[in-house]
C-alpha atoms as a PDB file:
ATOM      1  CA  UNK A   1     188.616 -50.244 -83.599  1.00  0.00           C
ATOM      2  CA  UNK A   2     192.134 -50.641 -84.955  1.00  0.00           C
ATOM      3  CA  UNK A   3     194.606 -51.335 -82.130  1.00  0.00           C
ATOM      4  CA  UNK A   4     198.414 -51.142 -82.243  1.00  0.00           C
ATOM      5  CA  UNK A   5     200.602 -53.297 -80.023  1.00  0.00           C
ATOM      6  CA  UNK A   6     203.778 -51.227 -79.642  1.00  0.00           C
ATOM      7  CA  UNK A   7     205.629 -54.152 -78.077  1.00  0.00           C
ATOM      8  CA  UNK A   8     205.249 -56.192 -81.289  1.00  0.00           C
ATOM      9  CA  UNK A   9     205.642 -53.367 -83.806  1.00  0.00           C
ATOM     10  CA  UNK A  10     209.151 -53.131 -85.330  1.00  0.00           C
ATOM     11  CA  UNK A  11     208.254 -49.886 -87.152  1.00  0.00           C
ATOM     12  CA  UNK A  12     208.852 -51.403 -90.600  1.00  0.00           C
ATOM     13  CA  UNK A  13     206.457 -48.897 -92.203  1.00  0.00           C
ATOM     14  CA  UNK A  14     204.567 -51.348 -94.426  1.00  0.00           C
ATOM     15  CA  UNK A  15     201.245 -50.286 -92.922  1.00  0.00           C
ATOM     16  CA  UNK A  16     201.912 -46.588 -93.537  1.00  0.00           C
ATOM     17  CA  UNK A  17     202.624 -47.311 -97.208  1.00  0.00           C
ATOM     18  CA  UNK A  18     199.451 -49.378 -97.737  1.00  0.00           C
ATOM     19  CA  UNK A  19     197.144 -46.976 -95.853  1.00  0.00           C
ATOM     20  CA  UNK A  20     195.165 -45.084 -98.514  1.00  0.00           C
ATOM     21  CA  UNK A  21     193.571 -42.836 -95.875  1.00  0.00           C
ATOM     22  CA  UNK A  22     197.045 -41.672 -94.733  1.00  0.00           C
ATOM     23  CA  UNK A  23     196.027 -41.985 -91.092  1.00  0.00           C
ATOM     24  CA  UNK A  24     199.015 -44.083 -90.002  1.00  0.00           C
ATOM     25  CA  UNK A  25     202.218 -42.185 -89.280  1.00  0.00           C
ATOM     26  CA  UNK A  26     205.559 -42.963 -87.668  1.00  0.00           C
ATOM     27  CA  UNK A  27     206.545 -40.297 -85.160  1.00  0.00           C
ATOM     28  CA  UNK A  28     209.660 -40.570 -82.984  1.00  0.00           C
ATOM     29  CA  UNK A  29     210.020 -44.198 -84.042  1.00  0.00           C
ATOM     30  CA  UNK A  30     206.500 -44.991 -82.813  1.00  0.00           C
ATOM     31  CA  UNK A  31     203.556 -45.976 -85.037  1.00  0.00           C
ATOM     32  CA  UNK A  32     200.510 -43.808 -84.418  1.00  0.00           C
ATOM     33  CA  UNK A  33     197.001 -43.785 -85.863  1.00  0.00           C
ATOM     34  CA  UNK A  34     194.743 -40.780 -86.404  1.00  0.00           C
ATOM     35  CA  UNK A  35     191.259 -42.224 -85.805  1.00  0.00           C
ATOM     36  CA  UNK A  36     189.666 -39.098 -87.227  1.00  0.00           C
ATOM     37  CA  UNK A  37     190.642 -40.235 -90.724  1.00  0.00           C
ATOM     38  CA  UNK A  38     190.637 -44.033 -90.310  1.00  0.00           C
ATOM     39  CA  UNK A  39     187.949 -45.729 -92.400  1.00  0.00           C
ATOM     40  CA  UNK A  40     188.634 -49.129 -90.739  1.00  0.00           C
ATOM     41  CA  UNK A  41     189.472 -50.755 -94.080  1.00  0.00           C
ATOM     42  CA  UNK A  42     191.836 -53.063 -92.075  1.00  0.00           C
ATOM     43  CA  UNK A  43     194.507 -53.288 -94.804  1.00  0.00           C
ATOM     44  CA  UNK A  44     197.082 -52.416 -92.145  1.00  0.00           C
ATOM     45  CA  UNK A  45     196.074 -55.512 -90.158  1.00  0.00           C
ATOM     46  CA  UNK A  46     196.307 -57.702 -93.248  1.00  0.00           C
ATOM     47  CA  UNK A  47     199.805 -56.543 -94.223  1.00  0.00           C
ATOM     48  CA  UNK A  48     201.579 -56.393 -90.842  1.00  0.00           C
ATOM     49  CA  UNK A  49     204.255 -59.168 -90.697  1.00  0.00           C
ATOM     50  CA  UNK A  50     204.493 -58.890 -86.893  1.00  0.00           C
ATOM     51  CA  UNK A  51     200.706 -59.111 -86.338  1.00  0.00           C
ATOM     52  CA  UNK A  52     201.129 -56.000 -84.236  1.00  0.00           C
ATOM     53  CA  UNK A  53     197.897 -54.422 -85.490  1.00  0.00           C
ATOM     54  CA  UNK A  54     194.569 -55.939 -84.528  1.00  0.00           C
ATOM     55  CA  UNK A  55     190.845 -55.327 -84.584  1.00  0.00           C
ATOM     56  CA  UNK A  56     189.737 -54.842 -80.965  1.00  0.00           C
ATOM     57  CA  UNK A  57     192.734 -56.931 -79.847  1.00  0.00           C
ATOM     58  CA  UNK A  58     191.566 -59.993 -81.787  1.00  0.00           C
ATOM     59  CA  UNK A  59     194.751 -61.538 -83.177  1.00  0.00           C
ATOM     60  CA  UNK A  60     194.812 -61.986 -86.976  1.00  0.00           C
ATOM     61  CA  UNK A  61     195.671 -65.316 -88.579  1.00  0.00           C
ATOM     62  CA  UNK A  62     197.966 -66.115 -91.490  1.00  0.00           C
ATOM     63  CA  UNK A  63     196.369 -67.111 -94.789  1.00  0.00           C
ATOM     64  CA  UNK A  64     196.476 -70.823 -95.572  1.00  0.00           C
ATOM     65  CA  UNK A  65     197.002 -70.842 -99.338  1.00  0.00           C
ATOM     66  CA  UNK A  66     196.515 -74.601 -99.463  1.00  0.00           C
ATOM     67  CA  UNK A  67     192.823 -73.868 -98.806  1.00  0.00           C
ATOM     68  CA  UNK A  68     192.443 -71.622-101.849  1.00  0.00           C
ATOM     69  CA  UNK A  69     190.032 -72.924-104.507  1.00  0.00           C
ATOM     70  CA  UNK A  70     191.599 -73.336-107.924  1.00  0.00           C
ATOM     71  CA  UNK A  71     190.262 -71.670-111.064  1.00  0.00           C
ATOM     72  CA  UNK A  72     188.188 -74.734-112.045  1.00  0.00           C
ATOM     73  CA  UNK A  73     186.471 -74.783-108.648  1.00  0.00           C
ATOM     74  CA  UNK A  74     185.703 -71.065-108.869  1.00  0.00           C
ATOM     75  CA  UNK A  75     184.426 -71.496-112.414  1.00  0.00           C
ATOM     76  CA  UNK A  76     182.059 -74.227-111.228  1.00  0.00           C
ATOM     77  CA  UNK A  77     180.807 -72.064-108.347  1.00  0.00           C
ATOM     78  CA  UNK A  78     180.212 -68.990-110.527  1.00  0.00           C
ATOM     79  CA  UNK A  79     178.470 -70.943-113.296  1.00  0.00           C
ATOM     80  CA  UNK A  80     176.209 -72.776-110.860  1.00  0.00           C
ATOM     81  CA  UNK A  81     175.019 -69.592-109.127  1.00  0.00           C
ATOM     82  CA  UNK A  82     171.457 -68.753-110.184  1.00  0.00           C
ATOM     83  CA  UNK A  83     168.759 -66.605-108.611  1.00  0.00           C
ATOM     84  CA  UNK A  84     166.360 -68.923-106.773  1.00  0.00           C
ATOM     85  CA  UNK A  85     162.708 -67.993-106.249  1.00  0.00           C
ATOM     86  CA  UNK A  86     161.361 -71.464-105.440  1.00  0.00           C
ATOM     87  CA  UNK A  87     162.165 -72.314-101.838  1.00  0.00           C
ATOM     88  CA  UNK A  88     161.454 -75.286 -99.585  1.00  0.00           C
ATOM     89  CA  UNK A  89     159.620 -74.593 -96.332  1.00  0.00           C
ATOM     90  CA  UNK A  90     162.717 -75.642 -94.349  1.00  0.00           C
ATOM     91  CA  UNK A  91     164.076 -73.069 -91.888  1.00  0.00           C
ATOM     92  CA  UNK A  92     167.755 -72.036 -91.855  1.00  0.00           C
ATOM     93  CA  UNK A  93     169.744 -72.404 -88.647  1.00  0.00           C
ATOM     94  CA  UNK A  94     170.455 -68.985 -87.120  1.00  0.00           C
ATOM     95  CA  UNK A  95     174.141 -69.741 -86.565  1.00  0.00           C
ATOM     96  CA  UNK A  96     174.438 -70.539 -90.270  1.00  0.00           C
ATOM     97  CA  UNK A  97     172.625 -67.319 -91.208  1.00  0.00           C
ATOM     98  CA  UNK A  98     175.028 -65.327 -89.044  1.00  0.00           C
ATOM     99  CA  UNK A  99     178.017 -67.112 -90.572  1.00  0.00           C
ATOM    100  CA  UNK A 100     176.770 -66.393 -94.105  1.00  0.00           C
ATOM    101  CA  UNK A 101     176.048 -62.747 -93.323  1.00  0.00           C
ATOM    102  CA  UNK A 102     179.456 -62.212 -91.705  1.00  0.00           C
ATOM    103  CA  UNK A 103     181.166 -62.491 -95.087  1.00  0.00           C
ATOM    104  CA  UNK A 104     179.728 -59.117 -96.081  1.00  0.00           C
ATOM    105  CA  UNK A 105     182.610 -57.738 -93.979  1.00  0.00           C
ATOM    106  CA  UNK A 106     185.146 -58.849 -96.586  1.00  0.00           C
ATOM    107  CA  UNK A 107     183.525 -57.127 -99.564  1.00  0.00           C
ATOM    108  CA  UNK A 108     184.993 -53.984-101.160  1.00  0.00           C
ATOM    109  CA  UNK A 109     183.109 -51.017 -99.749  1.00  0.00           C
ATOM    110  CA  UNK A 110     182.931 -47.258 -99.467  1.00  0.00           C
ATOM    111  CA  UNK A 111     180.567 -47.453 -96.480  1.00  0.00           C
ATOM    112  CA  UNK A 112     182.416 -48.979 -93.518  1.00  0.00           C
ATOM    113  CA  UNK A 113     179.432 -48.615 -91.209  1.00  0.00           C
ATOM    114  CA  UNK A 114     176.922 -50.966 -92.757  1.00  0.00           C
ATOM    115  CA  UNK A 115     174.941 -53.218 -90.496  1.00  0.00           C
ATOM    116  CA  UNK A 116     172.904 -56.290 -91.387  1.00  0.00           C
ATOM    117  CA  UNK A 117     169.352 -57.110 -90.348  1.00  0.00           C
ATOM    118  CA  UNK A 118     168.392 -60.776 -90.600  1.00  0.00           C
ATOM    119  CA  UNK A 119     164.672 -61.514 -90.696  1.00  0.00           C
ATOM    120  CA  UNK A 120     163.609 -65.128 -90.159  1.00  0.00           C
ATOM    121  CA  UNK A 121     160.281 -64.479 -88.428  1.00  0.00           C
ATOM    122  CA  UNK A 122     157.613 -65.937 -90.721  1.00  0.00           C
ATOM    123  CA  UNK A 123     155.045 -63.286 -89.844  1.00  0.00           C
ATOM    124  CA  UNK A 124     157.409 -60.419 -90.687  1.00  0.00           C
ATOM    125  CA  UNK A 125     158.393 -62.109 -93.960  1.00  0.00           C
ATOM    126  CA  UNK A 126     154.710 -62.479 -94.829  1.00  0.00           C
ATOM    127  CA  UNK A 127     154.269 -58.786 -94.050  1.00  0.00           C
ATOM    128  CA  UNK A 128     157.069 -58.014 -96.511  1.00  0.00           C
ATOM    129  CA  UNK A 129     155.369 -60.301 -99.019  1.00  0.00           C
ATOM    130  CA  UNK A 130     152.115 -58.332 -98.646  1.00  0.00           C
ATOM    131  CA  UNK A 131     153.893 -54.977 -99.095  1.00  0.00           C
ATOM    132  CA  UNK A 132     155.519 -56.205-102.314  1.00  0.00           C
ATOM    133  CA  UNK A 133     152.203 -57.639-103.523  1.00  0.00           C
ATOM    134  CA  UNK A 134     150.283 -54.432-102.799  1.00  0.00           C
ATOM    135  CA  UNK A 135     152.887 -52.270-104.519  1.00  0.00           C
ATOM    136  CA  UNK A 136     152.992 -54.568-107.569  1.00  0.00           C
ATOM    137  CA  UNK A 137     149.212 -54.451-107.977  1.00  0.00           C
ATOM    138  CA  UNK A 138     149.205 -50.655-107.782  1.00  0.00           C
ATOM    139  CA  UNK A 139     151.975 -50.407-110.362  1.00  0.00           C
ATOM    140  CA  UNK A 140     150.066 -52.735-112.674  1.00  0.00           C
ATOM    141  CA  UNK A 141     146.900 -50.643-112.388  1.00  0.00           C
ATOM    142  CA  UNK A 142     148.814 -47.426-113.077  1.00  0.00           C
ATOM    143  CA  UNK A 143     151.016 -48.658-115.947  1.00  0.00           C
ATOM    144  CA  UNK A 144     148.949 -51.240-117.798  1.00  0.00           C
ATOM    145  CA  UNK A 145     145.265 -50.569-117.228  1.00  0.00           C
ATOM    146  CA  UNK A 146     145.236 -47.236-119.117  1.00  0.00           C
ATOM    147  CA  UNK A 147     146.073 -48.221-122.733  1.00  0.00           C
ATOM    148  CA  UNK A 148     147.286 -44.698-123.407  1.00  0.00           C
ATOM    149  CA  UNK A 149     150.431 -45.356-121.318  1.00  0.00           C
ATOM    150  CA  UNK A 150     151.721 -47.866-123.866  1.00  0.00           C
ATOM    151  CA  UNK A 151     150.937 -45.508-126.747  1.00  0.00           C
ATOM    152  CA  UNK A 152     152.790 -42.630-125.098  1.00  0.00           C
ATOM    153  CA  UNK A 153     155.756 -44.868-124.371  1.00  0.00           C
ATOM    154  CA  UNK A 154     156.008 -45.979-128.011  1.00  0.00           C
ATOM    155  CA  UNK A 155     155.759 -42.394-129.141  1.00  0.00           C
ATOM    156  CA  UNK A 156     158.238 -40.684-126.810  1.00  0.00           C
ATOM    157  CA  UNK A 157     160.610 -43.391-125.476  1.00  0.00           C
ATOM    158  CA  UNK A 158     160.402 -46.358-127.876  1.00  0.00           C
ATOM    159  CA  UNK A 159     163.702 -47.782-126.640  1.00  0.00           C
ATOM    160  CA  UNK A 160     162.033 -48.472-123.246  1.00  0.00           C
ATOM    161  CA  UNK A 161     159.105 -50.436-124.689  1.00  0.00           C
ATOM    162  CA  UNK A 162     160.842 -53.785-124.209  1.00  0.00           C
ATOM    163  CA  UNK A 163     161.324 -53.221-120.475  1.00  0.00           C
ATOM    164  CA  UNK A 164     157.726 -52.039-120.189  1.00  0.00           C
ATOM    165  CA  UNK A 165     156.292 -55.106-121.904  1.00  0.00           C
ATOM    166  CA  UNK A 166     158.601 -57.460-119.997  1.00  0.00           C
ATOM    167  CA  UNK A 167     157.174 -56.244-116.686  1.00  0.00           C
ATOM    168  CA  UNK A 168     153.566 -56.931-117.613  1.00  0.00           C
ATOM    169  CA  UNK A 169     153.467 -60.772-117.318  1.00  0.00           C
ATOM    170  CA  UNK A 170     155.508 -60.593-114.106  1.00  0.00           C
ATOM    171  CA  UNK A 171     152.983 -58.269-112.482  1.00  0.00           C
ATOM    172  CA  UNK A 172     150.072 -60.335-113.809  1.00  0.00           C
ATOM    173  CA  UNK A 173     151.554 -63.436-112.190  1.00  0.00           C
ATOM    174  CA  UNK A 174     151.877 -61.596-108.871  1.00  0.00           C
ATOM    175  CA  UNK A 175     148.167 -60.838-109.130  1.00  0.00           C
ATOM    176  CA  UNK A 176     147.254 -64.448-110.005  1.00  0.00           C
ATOM    177  CA  UNK A 177     149.204 -66.048-107.170  1.00  0.00           C
ATOM    178  CA  UNK A 178     148.097 -63.363-104.689  1.00  0.00           C
ATOM    179  CA  UNK A 179     151.586 -62.908-103.220  1.00  0.00           C
ATOM    180  CA  UNK A 180     154.725 -60.867-103.795  1.00  0.00           C
ATOM    181  CA  UNK A 181     157.182 -63.745-103.473  1.00  0.00           C
ATOM    182  CA  UNK A 182     156.828 -66.762-105.747  1.00  0.00           C
ATOM    183  CA  UNK A 183     157.365 -68.859-102.612  1.00  0.00           C
ATOM    184  CA  UNK A 184     157.974 -67.593 -99.085  1.00  0.00           C
ATOM    185  CA  UNK A 185     161.735 -67.589 -98.327  1.00  0.00           C
ATOM    186  CA  UNK A 186     163.145 -68.806 -95.030  1.00  0.00           C
ATOM    187  CA  UNK A 187     164.975 -65.545 -94.348  1.00  0.00           C
ATOM    188  CA  UNK A 188     165.698 -62.054 -95.596  1.00  0.00           C
ATOM    189  CA  UNK A 189     169.026 -60.284 -95.167  1.00  0.00           C
ATOM    190  CA  UNK A 190     169.035 -56.492 -95.371  1.00  0.00           C
ATOM    191  CA  UNK A 191     172.171 -54.345 -95.663  1.00  0.00           C
ATOM    192  CA  UNK A 192     171.424 -51.056 -93.897  1.00  0.00           C
ATOM    193  CA  UNK A 193     173.497 -47.886 -93.610  1.00  0.00           C
ATOM    194  CA  UNK A 194     173.493 -44.115 -93.301  1.00  0.00           C
ATOM    195  CA  UNK A 195     171.754 -42.660 -96.352  1.00  0.00           C
ATOM    196  CA  UNK A 196     174.188 -39.731 -96.386  1.00  0.00           C
ATOM    197  CA  UNK A 197     177.220 -41.900 -97.151  1.00  0.00           C
ATOM    198  CA  UNK A 198     178.035 -41.789-100.884  1.00  0.00           C
ATOM    199  CA  UNK A 199     178.333 -44.933-103.009  1.00  0.00           C
ATOM    200  CA  UNK A 200     176.454 -47.008-100.430  1.00  0.00           C
ATOM    201  CA  UNK A 201     174.160 -48.664-103.003  1.00  0.00           C
ATOM    202  CA  UNK A 202     177.154 -49.827-105.030  1.00  0.00           C
ATOM    203  CA  UNK A 203     178.996 -51.026-101.919  1.00  0.00           C
ATOM    204  CA  UNK A 204     175.974 -52.979-100.702  1.00  0.00           C
ATOM    205  CA  UNK A 205     175.889 -55.011-103.922  1.00  0.00           C
ATOM    206  CA  UNK A 206     179.431 -56.238-103.270  1.00  0.00           C
ATOM    207  CA  UNK A 207     178.368 -57.235 -99.759  1.00  0.00           C
ATOM    208  CA  UNK A 208     175.335 -59.104-101.091  1.00  0.00           C
ATOM    209  CA  UNK A 209     177.408 -60.984-103.636  1.00  0.00           C
ATOM    210  CA  UNK A 210     179.776 -62.170-100.905  1.00  0.00           C
ATOM    211  CA  UNK A 211     176.746 -63.333 -98.938  1.00  0.00           C
ATOM    212  CA  UNK A 212     175.207 -65.017-101.978  1.00  0.00           C
ATOM    213  CA  UNK A 213     178.318 -66.944-102.997  1.00  0.00           C
ATOM    214  CA  UNK A 214     179.182 -68.101 -99.482  1.00  0.00           C
ATOM    215  CA  UNK A 215     175.568 -69.151 -98.942  1.00  0.00           C
ATOM    216  CA  UNK A 216     175.775 -71.194-102.139  1.00  0.00           C
ATOM    217  CA  UNK A 217     178.811 -73.037-100.807  1.00  0.00           C
ATOM    218  CA  UNK A 218     176.709 -73.923 -97.750  1.00  0.00           C
ATOM    219  CA  UNK A 219     173.770 -75.229 -99.766  1.00  0.00           C
ATOM    220  CA  UNK A 220     171.638 -72.098 -99.304  1.00  0.00           C
ATOM    221  CA  UNK A 221     170.183 -70.246-102.285  1.00  0.00           C
ATOM    222  CA  UNK A 222     169.215 -66.617-102.673  1.00  0.00           C
ATOM    223  CA  UNK A 223     167.634 -63.993-104.881  1.00  0.00           C
ATOM    224  CA  UNK A 224     168.362 -60.269-104.863  1.00  0.00           C
ATOM    225  CA  UNK A 225     165.437 -58.067-103.846  1.00  0.00           C
ATOM    226  CA  UNK A 226     166.855 -54.884-105.336  1.00  0.00           C
ATOM    227  CA  UNK A 227     163.578 -54.135-107.128  1.00  0.00           C
ATOM    228  CA  UNK A 228     161.631 -54.228-103.861  1.00  0.00           C
ATOM    229  CA  UNK A 229     163.884 -52.151-101.614  1.00  0.00           C
ATOM    230  CA  UNK A 230     162.021 -48.946-102.416  1.00  0.00           C
ATOM    231  CA  UNK A 231     158.814 -50.500-101.069  1.00  0.00           C
ATOM    232  CA  UNK A 232     160.439 -51.384 -97.761  1.00  0.00           C
ATOM    233  CA  UNK A 233     162.297 -48.097 -97.451  1.00  0.00           C
ATOM    234  CA  UNK A 234     159.099 -46.092 -97.951  1.00  0.00           C
ATOM    235  CA  UNK A 235     156.976 -48.020 -95.450  1.00  0.00           C
ATOM    236  CA  UNK A 236     157.200 -46.303 -92.050  1.00  0.00           C
ATOM    237  CA  UNK A 237     155.568 -49.155 -90.122  1.00  0.00           C
ATOM    238  CA  UNK A 238     158.015 -51.704 -91.493  1.00  0.00           C
ATOM    239  CA  UNK A 239     160.999 -49.445 -90.843  1.00  0.00           C
ATOM    240  CA  UNK A 240     159.874 -48.965 -87.247  1.00  0.00           C
ATOM    241  CA  UNK A 241     159.186 -52.676 -86.810  1.00  0.00           C
ATOM    242  CA  UNK A 242     162.738 -53.727 -87.697  1.00  0.00           C
ATOM    243  CA  UNK A 243     164.459 -50.686 -86.188  1.00  0.00           C
ATOM    244  CA  UNK A 244     165.684 -48.660 -89.159  1.00  0.00           C
ATOM    245  CA  UNK A 245     166.620 -45.143 -88.032  1.00  0.00           C
ATOM    246  CA  UNK A 246     165.489 -42.005 -89.865  1.00  0.00           C
ATOM    247  CA  UNK A 247     168.981 -41.399 -91.276  1.00  0.00           C
ATOM    248  CA  UNK A 248     169.284 -44.977 -92.527  1.00  0.00           C
ATOM    249  CA  UNK A 249     168.025 -46.795 -95.554  1.00  0.00           C
ATOM    250  CA  UNK A 250     168.154 -50.315 -96.953  1.00  0.00           C
ATOM    251  CA  UNK A 251     170.856 -50.406 -99.635  1.00  0.00           C
ATOM    252  CA  UNK A 252     170.805 -54.125-100.341  1.00  0.00           C
ATOM    253  CA  UNK A 253     168.472 -57.038 -99.701  1.00  0.00           C
ATOM    254  CA  UNK A 254     168.357 -60.718-100.504  1.00  0.00           C
ATOM    255  CA  UNK A 255     165.861 -63.523 -99.874  1.00  0.00           C
ATOM    256  CA  UNK A 256     167.315 -66.868 -98.797  1.00  0.00           C
ATOM    257  CA  UNK A 257     166.240 -70.459 -98.409  1.00  0.00           C
ATOM    258  CA  UNK A 258     166.810 -74.056 -99.420  1.00  0.00           C
ATOM    259  CA  UNK A 259     166.176 -74.379-103.133  1.00  0.00           C
ATOM    260  CA  UNK A 260     163.161 -76.368-104.297  1.00  0.00           C
ATOM    261  CA  UNK A 261     164.588 -76.581-107.827  1.00  0.00           C
ATOM    262  CA  UNK A 262     167.784 -78.099-109.179  1.00  0.00           C
ATOM    263  CA  UNK A 263     169.658 -76.574-112.084  1.00  0.00           C
ATOM    264  CA  UNK A 264     171.706 -79.202-113.905  1.00  0.00           C
ATOM    265  CA  UNK A 265     173.471 -77.487-116.785  1.00  0.00           C
ATOM    266  CA  UNK A 266     176.186 -74.889-117.204  1.00  0.00           C
ATOM    267  CA  UNK A 267     175.217 -72.163-119.648  1.00  0.00           C
ATOM    268  CA  UNK A 268     177.981 -72.002-122.248  1.00  0.00           C
ATOM    269  CA  UNK A 269     178.295 -69.741-125.260  1.00  0.00           C
ATOM    270  CA  UNK A 270     176.762 -66.676-123.584  1.00  0.00           C
ATOM    271  CA  UNK A 271     179.438 -64.036-123.143  1.00  0.00           C
ATOM    272  CA  UNK A 272     179.690 -60.385-122.221  1.00  0.00           C
ATOM    273  CA  UNK A 273     180.836 -58.199-125.133  1.00  0.00           C
ATOM    274  CA  UNK A 274     184.480 -57.243-124.644  1.00  0.00           C
ATOM    275  CA  UNK A 275     186.284 -54.194-126.034  1.00  0.00           C
ATOM    276  CA  UNK A 276     190.031 -53.650-125.884  1.00  0.00           C
ATOM    277  CA  UNK A 277     191.132 -50.082-125.206  1.00  0.00           C
ATOM    278  CA  UNK A 278     189.570 -47.168-127.135  1.00  0.00           C
ATOM    279  CA  UNK A 279     187.353 -47.522-130.172  1.00  0.00           C
ATOM    280  CA  UNK A 280     189.314 -47.247-133.388  1.00  0.00           C
ATOM    281  CA  UNK A 281     188.582 -44.357-135.753  1.00  0.00           C
ATOM    282  CA  UNK A 282     189.448 -46.533-138.743  1.00  0.00           C
END
């Protein structure tokens, strides 16, 4: 909860100007907050020069700009980040997992009531692996066993044929190795929230990327499980096992572990197409 220390507050009004929820007001020379409208974005805490606004009375700290990475360091971090599916069997310390997960707090979000579930129990992870494997096998039987599916796809939605064919070898490899994961990760991190809150899926991806990049800086690798969330969300036994309420759903998930592979090269020359302003009519 946002707390205001009236003894420190000099009523400068900076927080009222930055508050996009308009829940901070100055009345009779006193700063007040309307909790009914507060989304707990904490921008008021970040901007207050007197440090008069806190989160549950925990005093904020000034930024140390000497600690900022420069553009070359960020470039190196971004270029090195790859999805890792080959993990060592080494466990991850729980304190480190909590530290990594905590950085989801600092991601842009529309859902301020996310919570994280960390799974490092090997038996539960193997259960997740089995659910993914079972679902993948069923999808393969439904999409690729009947040859007519491919014919209908080419006839009615030819632009989707590439995605269809790309999935086939992936599902065949799942069947060959008899497991959903390529290797069993050391941990799974799930971002869970109320399914009625709009834009939660988009917000969860920001949270996951914070987690992924900070984990990378700590020598931990990850791979998004966005394609498998539906499997976990639909399974009642799994939801009950890890304590997901009926009004909640998993909006983001990532597998984590110590990488068993080493990427050596930066990929250069591959760029996103860029357009400036509107398309010209000429």
